[in-house]
Amino acid sequence: MRPSSPFPSFYALLATLFLICFDTASALPTSGSSDSDLLRTVPTLESRSLDNWYQCYDSPSAMQRRAKYNDCARAAAQLPNFIEEKTFHRGGDVNTDPYALPIVKRHNTCQITVDVRFGRSDVSSWVGIDMALSKIMEACSVGYGQHETTGGEIEAGLASFILVTVGKPGAAGRGAAAAAVATS
């Protein structure tokens, strides 16, 4: 007795895969789009913040600048959440202009400061600032639970002139000190 050939099952599998792919392709939107539109991804301003320079307060001399992670999360929740990309700038009334800096938010042991470096305006959105803030909080997180701390600073914005600082009130690292010198 001859063993059955594997080819009929192979062709059946191939036909099934073809039908699945054809069915999936027919479900894709076609009006006003081409195959190249479906494959093209344009980097947004928010995605650029994931590659920006940052530093953690993790050296022995900087550990006192770290704050409780949960306090920082509550301070971050106080920041605006506008999705429009606009120009962040120094000066103006922070109560009426959400893009006027500096903005400082505090909760217990944590202070978050968003400011422009070197007195230069920069383009971003509050969603982009929040993504940078999330990155620095996660990247610099140490400990677990109620003992978890975080602290550091990260650049944000199209030209990286926005500086987001996370830590205890009064914490200012190398980038924040440079921003203060340049704008005073």
Protein backbone atom coordinates (compact mmCIF):
# COMPACT_ATOMS: atom_id res chain seq x y z
CA MET A 1 0.00 0.00 0.00
CA ARG A 2 1.39 3.30 -1.06
CA PRO A 3 1.37 6.24 1.41
CA SER A 4 -0.88 9.09 0.37
CA SER A 5 0.75 12.00 -1.35
CA PRO A 6 1.27 15.18 0.71
CA PHE A 7 0.42 17.35 -2.31
CA PRO A 8 -3.38 17.35 -2.04
CA SER A 9 -3.18 18.63 1.55
CA PHE A 10 -0.51 21.16 0.54
CA TYR A 11 -2.68 22.53 -2.27
CA ALA A 12 -5.70 22.64 0.00
CA LEU A 13 -3.70 24.64 2.54
CA LEU A 14 -2.42 26.98 -0.17
CA ALA A 15 -5.94 27.55 -1.50
CA THR A 16 -7.22 28.25 2.02
CA LEU A 17 -4.45 30.80 2.62
CA PHE A 18 -5.24 32.46 -0.72
CA LEU A 19 -8.92 32.76 0.20
CA ILE A 20 -8.09 34.21 3.62
CA CYS A 21 -5.73 36.78 2.10
CA PHE A 22 -8.21 37.67 -0.65
CA ASP A 23 -11.01 38.08 1.88
CA THR A 24 -8.81 40.27 4.12
CA ALA A 25 -7.67 42.41 1.19
CA SER A 26 -11.23 43.01 0.04
CA ALA A 27 -12.09 44.33 3.51
CA LEU A 28 -9.43 47.08 3.34
CA PRO A 29 -10.63 50.61 2.54
CA THR A 30 -10.23 51.43 -1.13
CA SER A 31 -11.87 54.80 -1.70
CA GLY A 32 -9.24 57.49 -2.05
CA SER A 33 -6.35 55.22 -1.06
CA SER A 34 -3.76 53.23 -2.90
CA ASP A 35 -1.54 50.38 -1.82
CA SER A 36 1.26 52.85 -1.15
CA ASP A 37 -1.08 54.88 1.11
CA LEU A 38 -1.80 51.78 3.15
CA LEU A 39 1.90 51.04 3.64
CA ARG A 40 3.07 54.62 4.26
CA THR A 41 3.46 55.79 7.84
CA VAL A 42 4.36 59.37 8.53
CA PRO A 43 6.16 59.99 11.81
CA THR A 44 4.21 62.37 13.98
CA LEU A 45 5.63 65.00 16.26
CA GLU A 46 4.65 62.84 19.23
CA SER A 47 6.63 59.85 17.97
CA ARG A 48 9.77 62.02 17.69
CA SER A 49 9.73 62.59 21.46
CA LEU A 50 10.59 58.93 21.99
CA ASP A 51 14.11 59.48 20.60
CA ASN A 52 14.95 62.64 22.54
CA TRP A 53 17.79 63.08 24.99
CA TYR A 54 17.01 62.35 28.63
CA GLN A 55 18.85 61.77 31.87
CA CYS A 56 17.77 60.09 35.08
CA TYR A 57 18.54 61.25 38.57
CA ASP A 58 20.28 58.00 39.41
CA SER A 59 23.77 58.98 40.47
CA PRO A 60 24.44 58.87 44.22
CA SER A 61 24.57 62.68 44.37
CA ALA A 62 21.26 63.02 42.50
CA MET A 63 19.20 60.44 44.41
CA GLN A 64 17.79 63.10 46.76
CA ARG A 65 16.09 64.69 43.71
CA ARG A 66 13.94 61.61 43.07
CA ALA A 67 10.24 61.67 44.01
CA LYS A 68 7.59 59.02 44.61
CA TYR A 69 6.34 57.61 41.32
CA ASN A 70 2.66 57.74 42.34
CA ASP A 71 2.97 61.42 43.30
CA CYS A 72 4.49 62.15 39.89
CA ALA A 73 1.65 60.33 38.14
CA ARG A 74 -0.84 62.52 40.00
CA ALA A 75 1.12 65.67 39.15
CA ALA A 76 1.23 64.61 35.49
CA ALA A 77 -2.55 64.22 35.46
CA GLN A 78 -2.83 67.95 36.19
CA LEU A 79 -1.13 68.93 32.91
CA PRO A 80 -3.25 69.99 29.90
CA ASN A 81 -4.04 67.30 27.33
CA PHE A 82 -4.61 69.23 24.10
CA ILE A 83 -3.79 67.29 20.93
CA GLU A 84 -3.18 70.31 18.69
CA GLU A 85 0.42 71.02 17.78
CA LYS A 86 1.17 74.63 18.67
CA THR A 87 4.12 76.79 19.60
CA PHE A 88 5.20 76.54 23.23
CA HIS A 89 6.74 79.84 24.31
CA ARG A 90 8.12 81.69 27.30
CA GLY A 91 5.88 84.31 28.86
CA GLY A 92 2.22 85.08 28.65
CA ASP A 93 -0.55 84.15 31.04
CA VAL A 94 -0.39 80.44 31.86
CA ASN A 95 -3.99 80.63 33.09
CA THR A 96 -5.37 81.67 29.68
CA ASP A 97 -2.70 80.37 27.27
CA PRO A 98 -2.01 76.64 27.70
CA TYR A 99 1.16 76.94 25.60
CA ALA A 100 2.74 79.68 27.74
CA LEU A 101 5.61 78.31 29.82
CA PRO A 102 6.88 77.57 32.39
CA ILE A 103 4.17 75.35 33.82
CA VAL A 104 4.76 73.70 37.19
CA LYS A 105 2.50 71.00 38.66
CA ARG A 106 3.00 69.49 42.11
CA HIS A 107 1.60 66.65 44.12
CA ASN A 108 3.11 65.81 47.52
CA THR A 109 6.77 64.83 46.90
CA CYS A 110 6.78 65.42 43.13
CA GLN A 111 7.07 68.47 40.93
CA ILE A 112 6.82 68.44 37.14
CA THR A 113 8.15 71.47 35.30
CA VAL A 114 7.66 72.09 31.58
CA ASP A 115 9.74 74.97 30.24
CA VAL A 116 11.57 76.07 27.10
CA ARG A 117 15.35 75.91 26.98
CA PHE A 118 17.51 78.83 25.94
CA GLY A 119 14.42 81.08 25.79
CA ARG A 120 13.55 79.50 22.41
CA SER A 121 10.01 78.67 21.32
CA ASP A 122 9.28 75.15 20.06
CA VAL A 123 6.41 73.26 18.45
CA SER A 124 4.72 70.30 20.13
CA SER A 125 1.40 69.20 21.55
CA TRP A 126 0.50 68.38 25.11
CA VAL A 127 0.13 64.77 23.97
CA GLY A 128 3.79 64.89 22.85
CA ILE A 129 4.79 66.36 26.21
CA ASP A 130 2.84 63.62 27.97
CA MET A 131 4.62 60.94 25.91
CA ALA A 132 8.01 62.40 26.84
CA LEU A 133 6.91 62.60 30.48
CA SER A 134 5.78 58.96 30.43
CA LYS A 135 9.11 57.94 28.91
CA ILE A 136 11.18 59.70 31.56
CA MET A 137 9.02 58.42 34.42
CA GLU A 138 9.25 54.81 33.20
CA ALA A 139 12.90 54.91 32.14
CA CYS A 140 13.99 56.40 35.47
CA SER A 141 11.73 54.32 37.72
CA VAL A 142 13.46 52.52 40.60
CA GLY A 143 11.85 50.35 43.27
CA TYR A 144 8.42 48.81 43.53
CA GLY A 145 5.01 49.79 44.87
CA GLN A 146 4.95 52.56 47.44
CA HIS A 147 8.75 52.66 47.47
CA GLU A 148 9.00 53.29 43.71
CA THR A 149 10.72 56.57 42.85
CA THR A 150 11.47 58.41 39.65
CA GLY A 151 13.23 61.55 38.55
CA GLY A 152 14.99 63.05 35.60
CA GLU A 153 14.63 65.34 32.66
CA ILE A 154 13.86 64.93 28.98
CA GLU A 155 13.82 67.13 25.91
CA ALA A 156 10.64 67.39 23.86
CA GLY A 157 9.38 69.36 20.89
CA LEU A 158 10.29 69.57 17.24
CA ALA A 159 13.65 71.26 17.92
CA SER A 160 14.10 69.69 21.40
CA PHE A 161 13.89 73.09 23.12
CA ILE A 162 11.17 72.01 25.57
CA LEU A 163 12.54 70.58 28.81
CA VAL A 164 10.38 68.40 31.05
CA THR A 165 11.76 67.91 34.57
CA VAL A 166 10.39 65.35 37.03
CA GLY A 167 11.48 65.09 40.66
CA LYS A 168 11.27 66.66 44.08
CA PRO A 169 10.42 70.37 44.20
CA GLY A 170 13.56 72.36 43.48
CA ALA A 171 15.18 69.51 41.52
CA ALA A 172 17.12 70.93 38.64
CA GLY A 173 19.66 68.97 36.66
CA ARG A 174 22.17 69.99 34.03
CA GLY A 175 19.53 70.74 31.38
CA ALA A 176 17.31 72.79 33.69
CA ALA A 177 20.30 74.77 34.94
CA ALA A 178 21.28 75.55 31.35
CA ALA A 179 17.74 76.70 30.62
CA ALA A 180 17.71 78.97 33.65
CA VAL A 181 21.05 80.56 32.76
CA ALA A 182 20.04 81.17 29.15
CA THR A 183 16.71 82.78 30.01
CA SER A 184 17.68 84.96 32.97
